[in-house]
PDB file of N, CA and C in Angstrom:
ATOM      1  N   SER A   1      63.231 150.443 -84.807  1.00  0.00           N
ATOM      2  CA  SER A   1      62.964 148.946 -85.007  1.00  0.00           C
ATOM      3  C   SER A   1      62.099 148.858 -83.890  1.00  0.00           C
ATOM      4  N   SER A   2      61.529 147.614 -83.692  1.00  0.00           N
ATOM      5  CA  SER A   2      60.501 147.282 -83.147  1.00  0.00           C
ATOM      6  C   SER A   2      61.272 145.857 -81.769  1.00  0.00           C
ATOM      7  N   PRO A   3      60.331 146.353 -80.489  1.00  0.00           N
ATOM      8  CA  PRO A   3      61.406 145.678 -79.696  1.00  0.00           C
ATOM      9  C   PRO A   3      61.070 143.872 -80.519  1.00  0.00           C
ATOM     10  N   ALA A   4      62.069 142.713 -80.011  1.00  0.00           N
ATOM     11  CA  ALA A   4      61.894 141.247 -80.509  1.00  0.00           C
ATOM     12  C   ALA A   4      60.987 140.973 -79.104  1.00  0.00           C
ATOM     13  N   PRO A   5      60.155 139.705 -79.839  1.00  0.00           N
ATOM     14  CA  PRO A   5      59.095 139.136 -78.590  1.00  0.00           C
ATOM     15  C   PRO A   5      59.797 138.390 -77.799  1.00  0.00           C
ATOM     16  N   PRO A   6      59.169 138.767 -76.826  1.00  0.00           N
ATOM     17  CA  PRO A   6      60.415 137.699 -75.484  1.00  0.00           C
ATOM     18  C   PRO A   6      59.994 136.246 -75.805  1.00  0.00           C
ATOM     19  N   PRO A   7      61.331 135.583 -75.632  1.00  0.00           N
ATOM     20  CA  PRO A   7      61.205 134.336 -76.058  1.00  0.00           C
ATOM     21  C   PRO A   7      60.155 133.484 -75.023  1.00  0.00           C
ATOM     22  N   THR A   8      59.241 132.463 -75.917  1.00  0.00           N
ATOM     23  CA  THR A   8      58.969 131.735 -75.345  1.00  0.00           C
ATOM     24  C   THR A   8      59.406 130.753 -74.344  1.00  0.00           C
ATOM     25  N   LEU A   9      58.691 131.037 -73.016  1.00  0.00           N
ATOM     26  CA  LEU A   9      59.460 129.808 -72.101  1.00  0.00           C
ATOM     27  C   LEU A   9      58.805 128.526 -72.246  1.00  0.00           C
ATOM     28  N   GLN A  10      60.095 127.724 -72.254  1.00  0.00           N
ATOM     29  CA  GLN A  10      59.816 126.442 -72.175  1.00  0.00           C
ATOM     30  C   GLN A  10      59.304 125.701 -70.420  1.00  0.00           C
ATOM     31  N   ALA A  11      58.489 125.104 -70.686  1.00  0.00           N
ATOM     32  CA  ALA A  11      58.591 124.204 -69.183  1.00  0.00           C
ATOM     33  C   ALA A  11      59.164 123.256 -68.964  1.00  0.00           C
ATOM     34  N   PRO A  12      59.863 122.659 -68.014  1.00  0.00           N
ATOM     35  CA  PRO A  12      60.618 121.979 -67.746  1.00  0.00           C
ATOM     36  C   PRO A  12      60.211 120.623 -68.016  1.00  0.00           C
ATOM     37  N   SER A  13      60.894 120.183 -68.507  1.00  0.00           N
ATOM     38  CA  SER A  13      60.589 118.318 -69.019  1.00  0.00           C
ATOM     39  C   SER A  13      60.835 117.621 -67.727  1.00  0.00           C
ATOM     40  N   PRO A  14      59.633 116.772 -67.487  1.00  0.00           N
ATOM     41  CA  PRO A  14      60.567 115.847 -66.089  1.00  0.00           C
ATOM     42  C   PRO A  14      61.534 115.385 -66.323  1.00  0.00           C
ATOM     43  N   PRO A  15      62.484 115.004 -65.345  1.00  0.00           N
ATOM     44  CA  PRO A  15      63.646 114.633 -65.578  1.00  0.00           C
ATOM     45  C   PRO A  15      63.226 112.579 -65.979  1.00  0.00           C
ATOM     46  N   THR A  16      64.345 112.189 -66.941  1.00  0.00           N
ATOM     47  CA  THR A  16      64.316 111.443 -67.277  1.00  0.00           C
ATOM     48  C   THR A  16      64.604 109.791 -66.618  1.00  0.00           C
ATOM     49  N   HIS A  17      65.374 110.260 -65.528  1.00  0.00           N
ATOM     50  CA  HIS A  17      65.970 109.332 -64.703  1.00  0.00           C
ATOM     51  C   HIS A  17      65.118 108.462 -63.924  1.00  0.00           C
ATOM     52  N   PRO A  18      64.748 107.414 -63.507  1.00  0.00           N
ATOM     53  CA  PRO A  18      63.471 106.719 -63.081  1.00  0.00           C
ATOM     54  C   PRO A  18      63.781 107.003 -61.113  1.00  0.00           C
ATOM     55  N   ALA A  19      62.976 107.483 -61.197  1.00  0.00           N
ATOM     56  CA  ALA A  19      62.645 107.844 -59.503  1.00  0.00           C
ATOM     57  C   ALA A  19      63.386 107.010 -58.414  1.00  0.00           C
ATOM     58  N   PRO A  20      64.352 106.991 -57.140  1.00  0.00           N
ATOM     59  CA  PRO A  20      64.449 105.592 -56.569  1.00  0.00           C
ATOM     60  C   PRO A  20      63.671 104.652 -56.340  1.00  0.00           C
ATOM     61  N   ALA A  21      63.684 103.741 -56.496  1.00  0.00           N
ATOM     62  CA  ALA A  21      62.560 102.536 -55.813  1.00  0.00           C
ATOM     63  C   ALA A  21      63.133 102.598 -54.325  1.00  0.00           C
ATOM     64  N   PRO A  22      61.955 102.521 -53.452  1.00  0.00           N
ATOM     65  CA  PRO A  22      61.688 102.580 -52.063  1.00  0.00           C
ATOM     66  C   PRO A  22      63.188 101.725 -51.594  1.00  0.00           C
ATOM     67  N   ILE A  23      63.687 101.751 -50.293  1.00  0.00           N
ATOM     68  CA  ILE A  23      64.639 101.440 -50.136  1.00  0.00           C
ATOM     69  C   ILE A  23      64.072  99.510 -49.694  1.00  0.00           C
ATOM     70  N   GLN A  24      64.951  98.620 -49.845  1.00  0.00           N
ATOM     71  CA  GLN A  24      64.283  97.163 -49.622  1.00  0.00           C
ATOM     72  C   GLN A  24      65.126  97.009 -49.250  1.00  0.00           C
ATOM     73  N   GLN A  25      64.784  96.010 -47.483  1.00  0.00           N
ATOM     74  CA  GLN A  25      65.397  95.304 -46.625  1.00  0.00           C
ATOM     75  C   GLN A  25      66.175  93.972 -47.321  1.00  0.00           C
ATOM     76  N   ALA A  26      67.560  94.031 -46.930  1.00  0.00           N
ATOM     77  CA  ALA A  26      67.753  92.674 -47.786  1.00  0.00           C
ATOM     78  C   ALA A  26      66.882  91.457 -47.616  1.00  0.00           C
ATOM     79  N   ALA A  27      66.728  91.295 -46.375  1.00  0.00           N
ATOM     80  CA  ALA A  27      65.661  89.894 -45.473  1.00  0.00           C
ATOM     81  C   ALA A  27      64.713  90.224 -44.762  1.00  0.00           C
ATOM     82  N   PRO A  28      63.345  90.060 -44.928  1.00  0.00           N
ATOM     83  CA  PRO A  28      62.658  90.682 -43.855  1.00  0.00           C
ATOM     84  C   PRO A  28      62.769  90.654 -42.489  1.00  0.00           C
ATOM     85  N   THR A  29      62.964  91.229 -41.696  1.00  0.00           N
ATOM     86  CA  THR A  29      63.215  90.743 -40.231  1.00  0.00           C
ATOM     87  C   THR A  29      62.054  90.247 -38.950  1.00  0.00           C
ATOM     88  N   ALA A  30      62.130  89.320 -38.815  1.00  0.00           N
ATOM     89  CA  ALA A  30      61.194  88.530 -38.042  1.00  0.00           C
ATOM     90  C   ALA A  30      60.744  89.108 -37.173  1.00  0.00           C
ATOM     91  N   PRO A  31      59.434  89.814 -36.296  1.00  0.00           N
ATOM     92  CA  PRO A  31      59.654  90.489 -35.235  1.00  0.00           C
ATOM     93  C   PRO A  31      59.709  90.030 -34.153  1.00  0.00           C
ATOM     94  N   PRO A  32      60.551  90.839 -32.984  1.00  0.00           N
ATOM     95  CA  PRO A  32      61.354  89.994 -31.946  1.00  0.00           C
ATOM     96  C   PRO A  32      60.277  89.028 -30.937  1.00  0.00           C
ATOM     97  N   THR A  33      60.587  88.202 -30.569  1.00  0.00           N
ATOM     98  CA  THR A  33      59.958  87.259 -29.965  1.00  0.00           C
ATOM     99  C   THR A  33      59.380  87.893 -28.739  1.00  0.00           C
ATOM    100  N   LEU A  34      57.868  87.574 -28.416  1.00  0.00           N
ATOM    101  CA  LEU A  34      57.485  88.595 -27.807  1.00  0.00           C
ATOM    102  C   LEU A  34      57.574  87.315 -25.946  1.00  0.00           C
ATOM    103  N   GLN A  35      58.226  87.940 -24.976  1.00  0.00           N
ATOM    104  CA  GLN A  35      58.464  87.153 -24.020  1.00  0.00           C
ATOM    105  C   GLN A  35      56.642  87.281 -23.039  1.00  0.00           C
ATOM    106  N   ALA A  36      56.044  86.365 -22.944  1.00  0.00           N
ATOM    107  CA  ALA A  36      55.212  86.047 -22.338  1.00  0.00           C
ATOM    108  C   ALA A  36      55.226  86.606 -20.431  1.00  0.00           C
ATOM    109  N   PRO A  37      54.760  87.342 -19.842  1.00  0.00           N
ATOM    110  CA  PRO A  37      55.130  87.488 -18.416  1.00  0.00           C
ATOM    111  C   PRO A  37      54.831  87.163 -17.832  1.00  0.00           C
ATOM    112  N   SER A  38      56.315  86.307 -16.824  1.00  0.00           N
ATOM    113  CA  SER A  38      55.836  85.607 -15.936  1.00  0.00           C
ATOM    114  C   SER A  38      55.004  85.629 -14.920  1.00  0.00           C
ATOM    115  N   PRO A  39      54.159  84.599 -14.525  1.00  0.00           N
ATOM    116  CA  PRO A  39      52.865  84.670 -13.404  1.00  0.00           C
ATOM    117  C   PRO A  39      53.450  85.605 -12.512  1.00  0.00           C
ATOM    118  N   PRO A  40      52.416  85.997 -11.398  1.00  0.00           N
ATOM    119  CA  PRO A  40      53.057  87.215 -10.278  1.00  0.00           C
ATOM    120  C   PRO A  40      53.358  85.341  -9.236  1.00  0.00           C
ATOM    121  N   SER A  41      53.797  86.018  -8.254  1.00  0.00           N
ATOM    122  CA  SER A  41      54.340  84.985  -7.520  1.00  0.00           C
ATOM    123  C   SER A  41      52.962  84.933  -6.604  1.00  0.00           C
ATOM    124  N   MET A  42      53.265  83.658  -6.081  1.00  0.00           N
ATOM    125  CA  MET A  42      51.712  83.452  -5.091  1.00  0.00           C
ATOM    126  C   MET A  42      51.822  84.077  -3.978  1.00  0.00           C
ATOM    127  N   GLN A  43      53.226  84.173  -3.575  1.00  0.00           N
ATOM    128  CA  GLN A  43      53.183  84.994  -1.941  1.00  0.00           C
ATOM    129  C   GLN A  43      52.258  86.211  -1.905  1.00  0.00           C
ATOM    130  N   ALA A  44      52.782  87.396  -2.819  1.00  0.00           N
ATOM    131  CA  ALA A  44      52.338  88.684  -3.194  1.00  0.00           C
ATOM    132  C   ALA A  44      51.120  88.982  -3.376  1.00  0.00           C
ATOM    133  N   PRO A  45      49.877  88.921  -2.404  1.00  0.00           N
ATOM    134  CA  PRO A  45      48.861  89.368  -3.188  1.00  0.00           C
ATOM    135  C   PRO A  45      48.841  90.791  -3.498  1.00  0.00           C
ATOM    136  N   ALA A  46      47.857  90.899  -4.860  1.00  0.00           N
ATOM    137  CA  ALA A  46      48.072  92.025  -5.291  1.00  0.00           C
ATOM    138  C   ALA A  46      47.802  93.592  -4.012  1.00  0.00           C
ATOM    139  N   PRO A  47      48.505  94.494  -4.706  1.00  0.00           N
ATOM    140  CA  PRO A  47      48.168  95.609  -3.414  1.00  0.00           C
ATOM    141  C   PRO A  47      47.210  96.126  -3.173  1.00  0.00           C
ATOM    142  N   SER A  48      46.160  96.158  -4.513  1.00  0.00           N
ATOM    143  CA  SER A  48      44.822  96.525  -4.645  1.00  0.00           C
ATOM    144  C   SER A  48      43.840  95.628  -4.118  1.00  0.00           C
ATOM    145  N   GLN A  49      44.420  94.617  -3.453  1.00  0.00           N
ATOM    146  CA  GLN A  49      43.153  93.603  -2.954  1.00  0.00           C
ATOM    147  C   GLN A  49      43.878  92.856  -1.570  1.00  0.00           C
ATOM    148  N   LYS A  50      43.584  93.181  -0.446  1.00  0.00           N
ATOM    149  CA  LYS A  50      43.456  93.419   0.903  1.00  0.00           C
ATOM    150  C   LYS A  50      42.576  92.459   1.331  1.00  0.00           C
ATOM    151  N   SER A  51      42.893  91.867   1.970  1.00  0.00           N
ATOM    152  CA  SER A  51      41.596  90.995   2.429  1.00  0.00           C
ATOM    153  C   SER A  51      41.626  91.450   3.780  1.00  0.00           C
ATOM    154  N   CYS A  52      40.566  91.378   4.329  1.00  0.00           N
ATOM    155  CA  CYS A  52      40.062  91.616   5.865  1.00  0.00           C
ATOM    156  C   CYS A  52      39.000  90.785   7.044  1.00  0.00           C
ATOM    157  N   VAL A  53      38.913  90.881   7.618  1.00  0.00           N
ATOM    158  CA  VAL A  53      37.644  90.232   8.534  1.00  0.00           C
ATOM    159  C   VAL A  53      36.971  91.219   9.650  1.00  0.00           C
ATOM    160  N   ALA A  54      35.451  90.953   9.233  1.00  0.00           N
ATOM    161  CA  ALA A  54      34.532  91.424  10.099  1.00  0.00           C
ATOM    162  C   ALA A  54      34.984  91.593  12.010  1.00  0.00           C
ATOM    163  N   GLN A  55      35.060  92.283  12.346  1.00  0.00           N
ATOM    164  CA  GLN A  55      35.326  92.220  14.041  1.00  0.00           C
ATOM    165  C   GLN A  55      33.861  92.235  14.775  1.00  0.00           C
ATOM    166  N   HIS A  56      32.984  92.647  13.974  1.00  0.00           N
ATOM    167  CA  HIS A  56      31.715  92.908  14.415  1.00  0.00           C
ATOM    168  C   HIS A  56      30.638  92.780  13.252  1.00  0.00           C
ATOM    169  N   SER A  57      29.721  92.590  13.837  1.00  0.00           N
ATOM    170  CA  SER A  57      28.751  92.562  12.515  1.00  0.00           C
ATOM    171  C   SER A  57      27.720  93.336  12.573  1.00  0.00           C
ATOM    172  N   TYR A  58      27.316  93.874  11.661  1.00  0.00           N
ATOM    173  CA  TYR A  58      26.811  95.212  11.105  1.00  0.00           C
ATOM    174  C   TYR A  58      25.599  94.994  10.037  1.00  0.00           C
ATOM    175  N   SER A  59      24.599  95.410  10.076  1.00  0.00           N
ATOM    176  CA  SER A  59      23.409  95.545   9.428  1.00  0.00           C
ATOM    177  C   SER A  59      23.224  96.960   8.710  1.00  0.00           C
ATOM    178  N   PRO A  60      23.054  96.894   7.522  1.00  0.00           N
ATOM    179  CA  PRO A  60      23.718  98.232   6.518  1.00  0.00           C
ATOM    180  C   PRO A  60      22.094  98.971   6.646  1.00  0.00           C
ATOM    181  N   THR A  61      22.327 100.369   6.925  1.00  0.00           N
ATOM    182  CA  THR A  61      21.408 101.006   7.116  1.00  0.00           C
ATOM    183  C   THR A  61      20.746 101.987   5.584  1.00  0.00           C
ATOM    184  N   HIS A  62      21.271 101.549   4.637  1.00  0.00           N
ATOM    185  CA  HIS A  62      22.114 102.210   3.279  1.00  0.00           C
ATOM    186  C   HIS A  62      22.201 101.379   2.248  1.00  0.00           C
ATOM    187  N   PRO A  63      21.133 101.649   0.800  1.00  0.00           N
ATOM    188  CA  PRO A  63      21.220  99.959  -0.092  1.00  0.00           C
ATOM    189  C   PRO A  63      22.841  99.961  -0.468  1.00  0.00           C
ATOM    190  N   ASP A  64      23.704 100.859  -0.695  1.00  0.00           N
ATOM    191  CA  ASP A  64      24.747 100.760  -1.019  1.00  0.00           C
ATOM    192  C   ASP A  64      25.857 100.116   0.362  1.00  0.00           C
ATOM    193  N   GLN A  65      25.416  99.634   1.310  1.00  0.00           N
ATOM    194  CA  GLN A  65      26.450  99.182   2.283  1.00  0.00           C
ATOM    195  C   GLN A  65      25.537  98.089   2.400  1.00  0.00           C
ATOM    196  N   LEU A  66      26.914  96.770   2.857  1.00  0.00           N
ATOM    197  CA  LEU A  66      26.920  95.194   3.158  1.00  0.00           C
ATOM    198  C   LEU A  66      26.759  95.217   4.252  1.00  0.00           C
ATOM    199  N   GLU A  67      25.798  94.134   4.681  1.00  0.00           N
ATOM    200  CA  GLU A  67      25.951  93.487   6.006  1.00  0.00           C
ATOM    201  C   GLU A  67      26.647  92.045   5.783  1.00  0.00           C
ATOM    202  N   MET A  68      27.611  92.521   6.996  1.00  0.00           N
ATOM    203  CA  MET A  68      28.254  91.516   7.433  1.00  0.00           C
ATOM    204  C   MET A  68      28.482  90.597   9.039  1.00  0.00           C
ATOM    205  N   LYS A  69      28.672  89.663   8.944  1.00  0.00           N
ATOM    206  CA  LYS A  69      29.220  88.759  10.100  1.00  0.00           C
ATOM    207  C   LYS A  69      30.329  88.856  10.969  1.00  0.00           C
ATOM    208  N   SER A  70      30.296  88.985  12.146  1.00  0.00           N
ATOM    209  CA  SER A  70      31.508  89.095  13.264  1.00  0.00           C
ATOM    210  C   SER A  70      32.391  87.360  12.775  1.00  0.00           C
ATOM    211  N   GLY A  71      33.572  87.646  11.806  1.00  0.00           N
ATOM    212  CA  GLY A  71      33.995  86.777  11.613  1.00  0.00           C
ATOM    213  C   GLY A  71      34.571  86.387  10.161  1.00  0.00           C
ATOM    214  N   GLU A  72      33.598  87.159   9.323  1.00  0.00           N
ATOM    215  CA  GLU A  72      33.261  86.942   8.074  1.00  0.00           C
ATOM    216  C   GLU A  72      34.622  87.621   7.094  1.00  0.00           C
ATOM    217  N   GLN A  73      35.047  87.033   5.777  1.00  0.00           N
ATOM    218  CA  GLN A  73      36.358  87.612   5.286  1.00  0.00           C
ATOM    219  C   GLN A  73      35.211  88.501   4.079  1.00  0.00           C
ATOM    220  N   PHE A  74      36.522  89.224   3.653  1.00  0.00           N
ATOM    221  CA  PHE A  74      36.185  90.344   2.959  1.00  0.00           C
ATOM    222  C   PHE A  74      37.277  90.525   1.809  1.00  0.00           C
ATOM    223  N   THR A  75      36.765  91.360   0.991  1.00  0.00           N
ATOM    224  CA  THR A  75      38.275  91.615   0.014  1.00  0.00           C
ATOM    225  C   THR A  75      37.873  92.864  -0.019  1.00  0.00           C
ATOM    226  N   MET A  76      39.187  93.928   0.379  1.00  0.00           N
ATOM    227  CA  MET A  76      39.152  95.187   0.153  1.00  0.00           C
ATOM    228  C   MET A  76      39.083  95.946  -0.732  1.00  0.00           C
ATOM    229  N   LEU A  77      38.708  96.482  -1.405  1.00  0.00           N
ATOM    230  CA  LEU A  77      38.357  96.976  -3.183  1.00  0.00           C
ATOM    231  C   LEU A  77      38.779  98.690  -2.440  1.00  0.00           C
ATOM    232  N   GLN A  78      38.367  99.294  -1.582  1.00  0.00           N
ATOM    233  CA  GLN A  78      38.597 100.754  -1.254  1.00  0.00           C
ATOM    234  C   GLN A  78      38.894 100.722  -0.399  1.00  0.00           C
ATOM    235  N   GLU A  79      40.503 101.735   0.826  1.00  0.00           N
ATOM    236  CA  GLU A  79      39.654 101.981   2.197  1.00  0.00           C
ATOM    237  C   GLU A  79      40.054 103.604   1.944  1.00  0.00           C
ATOM    238  N   ASN A  80      40.290 103.379   3.201  1.00  0.00           N
ATOM    239  CA  ASN A  80      39.471 105.374   3.328  1.00  0.00           C
ATOM    240  C   ASN A  80      38.840 106.051   2.642  1.00  0.00           C
ATOM    241  N   MET A  81      37.455 105.533   3.040  1.00  0.00           N
ATOM    242  CA  MET A  81      36.663 106.508   1.852  1.00  0.00           C
ATOM    243  C   MET A  81      35.914 107.618   2.472  1.00  0.00           C
ATOM    244  N   GLU A  82      35.586 108.746   2.177  1.00  0.00           N
ATOM    245  CA  GLU A  82      34.900 109.701   3.107  1.00  0.00           C
ATOM    246  C   GLU A  82      34.044 108.948   4.079  1.00  0.00           C
ATOM    247  N   GLY A  83      33.946 109.687   5.608  1.00  0.00           N
ATOM    248  CA  GLY A  83      32.768 108.919   6.487  1.00  0.00           C
ATOM    249  C   GLY A  83      33.605 108.124   6.526  1.00  0.00           C
ATOM    250  N   GLY A  84      34.741 107.417   6.950  1.00  0.00           N
ATOM    251  CA  GLY A  84      34.973 105.948   7.795  1.00  0.00           C
ATOM    252  C   GLY A  84      34.351 105.260   7.097  1.00  0.00           C
ATOM    253  N   TRP A  85      34.162 104.694   5.731  1.00  0.00           N
ATOM    254  CA  TRP A  85      33.836 103.481   5.182  1.00  0.00           C
ATOM    255  C   TRP A  85      35.010 102.987   4.030  1.00  0.00           C
ATOM    256  N   THR A  86      34.232 101.952   3.919  1.00  0.00           N
ATOM    257  CA  THR A  86      35.441 100.980   3.688  1.00  0.00           C
ATOM    258  C   THR A  86      34.445  99.792   2.401  1.00  0.00           C
ATOM    259  N   LEU A  87      34.692 100.081   1.302  1.00  0.00           N
ATOM    260  CA  LEU A  87      34.843  99.190   0.112  1.00  0.00           C
ATOM    261  C   LEU A  87      35.062  97.979   0.325  1.00  0.00           C
ATOM    262  N   VAL A  88      34.209  96.904   0.383  1.00  0.00           N
ATOM    263  CA  VAL A  88      34.986  95.485   0.453  1.00  0.00           C
ATOM    264  C   VAL A  88      33.413  94.965  -0.937  1.00  0.00           C
ATOM    265  N   LYS A  89      34.286  93.252  -1.013  1.00  0.00           N
ATOM    266  CA  LYS A  89      33.525  92.575  -1.740  1.00  0.00           C
ATOM    267  C   LYS A  89      33.841  91.060  -0.634  1.00  0.00           C
ATOM    268  N   ASN A  90      32.143  90.505  -0.750  1.00  0.00           N
ATOM    269  CA  ASN A  90      32.357  89.054   0.131  1.00  0.00           C
ATOM    270  C   ASN A  90      32.339  88.590  -0.478  1.00  0.00           C
ATOM    271  N   ASP A  91      32.486  86.888  -0.107  1.00  0.00           N
ATOM    272  CA  ASP A  91      32.554  85.386  -0.657  1.00  0.00           C
ATOM    273  C   ASP A  91      31.312  85.280  -1.927  1.00  0.00           C
ATOM    274  N   MET A  92      30.403  86.289  -1.869  1.00  0.00           N
ATOM    275  CA  MET A  92      29.447  85.533  -2.664  1.00  0.00           C
ATOM    276  C   MET A  92      29.733  86.901  -3.733  1.00  0.00           C
ATOM    277  N   GLY A  93      30.886  87.659  -3.725  1.00  0.00           N
ATOM    278  CA  GLY A  93      30.818  88.191  -4.604  1.00  0.00           C
ATOM    279  C   GLY A  93      30.368  89.868  -4.932  1.00  0.00           C
ATOM    280  N   LYS A  94      29.317  90.213  -3.560  1.00  0.00           N
ATOM    281  CA  LYS A  94      28.446  91.129  -3.528  1.00  0.00           C
ATOM    282  C   LYS A  94      29.413  92.150  -2.987  1.00  0.00           C
ATOM    283  N   GLU A  95      29.536  93.230  -4.088  1.00  0.00           N
ATOM    284  CA  GLU A  95      30.206  94.566  -3.103  1.00  0.00           C
ATOM    285  C   GLU A  95      29.215  95.246  -2.320  1.00  0.00           C
ATOM    286  N   GLY A  96      30.326  96.051  -1.333  1.00  0.00           N
ATOM    287  CA  GLY A  96      29.362  97.434  -0.422  1.00  0.00           C
ATOM    288  C   GLY A  96      30.242  97.885   0.211  1.00  0.00           C
ATOM    289  N   LYS A  97      29.820  98.820   0.912  1.00  0.00           N
ATOM    290  CA  LYS A  97      30.303  99.683   1.915  1.00  0.00           C
ATOM    291  C   LYS A  97      30.236  99.759   3.317  1.00  0.00           C
ATOM    292  N   VAL A  98      31.591  99.346   4.012  1.00  0.00           N
ATOM    293  CA  VAL A  98      30.999  98.493   5.290  1.00  0.00           C
ATOM    294  C   VAL A  98      32.014  99.659   6.533  1.00  0.00           C
ATOM    295  N   PRO A  99      31.612  99.778   7.492  1.00  0.00           N
ATOM    296  CA  PRO A  99      32.250 100.440   8.761  1.00  0.00           C
ATOM    297  C   PRO A  99      33.662 100.503   8.441  1.00  0.00           C
ATOM    298  N   ALA A 100      34.744 101.635   8.747  1.00  0.00           N
ATOM    299  CA  ALA A 100      36.107 100.750   8.725  1.00  0.00           C
ATOM    300  C   ALA A 100      36.571 100.471   9.773  1.00  0.00           C
ATOM    301  N   SER A 101      35.832 100.697  10.791  1.00  0.00           N
ATOM    302  CA  SER A 101      36.410 100.492  12.190  1.00  0.00           C
ATOM    303  C   SER A 101      35.820  99.031  12.630  1.00  0.00           C
ATOM    304  N   TYR A 102      34.958  98.633  11.966  1.00  0.00           N
ATOM    305  CA  TYR A 102      34.756  97.570  12.379  1.00  0.00           C
ATOM    306  C   TYR A 102      35.279  96.176  11.452  1.00  0.00           C
ATOM    307  N   LEU A 103      36.697  96.830  10.544  1.00  0.00           N
ATOM    308  CA  LEU A 103      37.244  95.819   9.961  1.00  0.00           C
ATOM    309  C   LEU A 103      38.142  95.616  10.788  1.00  0.00           C
ATOM    310  N   LYS A 104      39.326  94.273  10.520  1.00  0.00           N
ATOM    311  CA  LYS A 104      40.467  93.966  10.725  1.00  0.00           C
ATOM    312  C   LYS A 104      41.346  93.939   8.964  1.00  0.00           C
ATOM    313  N   ILE A 105      42.035  94.341   8.959  1.00  0.00           N
ATOM    314  CA  ILE A 105      42.879  93.733   8.157  1.00  0.00           C
ATOM    315  C   ILE A 105      43.735  92.896   7.941  1.00  0.00           C
ATOM    316  N   ALA A 106      43.635  92.044   7.009  1.00  0.00           N
ATOM    317  CA  ALA A 106      44.615  91.028   7.743  1.00  0.00           C
ATOM    318  C   ALA A 106      45.921  91.322   6.426  1.00  0.00           C
ATOM    319  N   ASP A 107      47.188  90.773   7.075  1.00  0.00           N
ATOM    320  CA  ASP A 107      48.157  90.740   5.781  1.00  0.00           C
ATOM    321  C   ASP A 107      48.164  89.789   5.794  1.00  0.00           C
ATOM    322  N   GLY A 108      48.151  89.591   4.286  1.00  0.00           N
ATOM    323  CA  GLY A 108      48.425  88.556   3.089  1.00  0.00           C
ATOM    324  C   GLY A 108      47.403  87.365   3.407  1.00  0.00           C
ATOM    325  N   PRO A 109      47.762  86.579   3.249  1.00  0.00           N
ATOM    326  CA  PRO A 109      46.701  85.538   3.199  1.00  0.00           C
ATOM    327  C   PRO A 109      46.103  85.070   4.646  1.00  0.00           C
ATOM    328  N   PRO A 110      45.138  84.925   4.484  1.00  0.00           N
ATOM    329  CA  PRO A 110      44.328  84.539   5.856  1.00  0.00           C
ATOM    330  C   PRO A 110      44.576  83.517   6.615  1.00  0.00           C
ATOM    331  N   MET A 111      45.497  83.791   8.034  1.00  0.00           N
ATOM    332  CA  MET A 111      46.055  82.765   8.854  1.00  0.00           C
ATOM    333  C   MET A 111      45.133  81.639   9.159  1.00  0.00           C
ATOM    334  N   GLN A 112      45.221  80.582   9.830  1.00  0.00           N
ATOM    335  CA  GLN A 112      44.491  79.797  10.425  1.00  0.00           C
ATOM    336  C   GLN A 112      44.231  79.892  11.889  1.00  0.00           C
ATOM    337  N   SER A 113      45.569  80.123  12.689  1.00  0.00           N
ATOM    338  CA  SER A 113      45.351  80.236  13.985  1.00  0.00           C
ATOM    339  C   SER A 113      44.665  81.205  14.424  1.00  0.00           C
ATOM    340  N   PRO A 114      44.115  81.068  15.486  1.00  0.00           N
ATOM    341  CA  PRO A 114      43.228  82.529  15.728  1.00  0.00           C
ATOM    342  C   PRO A 114      43.555  84.002  16.433  1.00  0.00           C
ATOM    343  N   ALA A 115      43.690  84.559  15.887  1.00  0.00           N
ATOM    344  CA  ALA A 115      44.374  86.120  16.240  1.00  0.00           C
ATOM    345  C   ALA A 115      44.087  86.738  17.467  1.00  0.00           C
ATOM    346  N   PRO A 116      45.170  86.867  18.327  1.00  0.00           N
ATOM    347  CA  PRO A 116      44.987  86.987  19.745  1.00  0.00           C
ATOM    348  C   PRO A 116      43.961  88.345  19.758  1.00  0.00           C
ATOM    349  N   LEU A 117      43.090  88.460  20.515  1.00  0.00           N
ATOM    350  CA  LEU A 117      42.544  89.529  21.343  1.00  0.00           C
ATOM    351  C   LEU A 117      42.641  90.723  21.706  1.00  0.00           C
TER     352      LEU A 117
END
């Protein structure tokens, strides 16, 4: 007797029940209200922006250096640079390096009273 032919495999039919709908929230939640940061207190200057005063006049010997006159005020951008330099910005917005030893670092806002020598 000849072997019976194997039964034809029937591919499974796709499930008839509907796919679950994506979960919907009952009510769209509003994004949380962003609280604007409060302004920094006026007493504390940003730590990176110290002010300093020229103790001596200095004439630059290099294009990346800044001329300064004794008593001129600067904003310190970077101190303790290699070679004893400090990067400062003057009132005109010009930036340049000056000898750190020529500067006196002012603590906080500049005082009106003359500093003792």
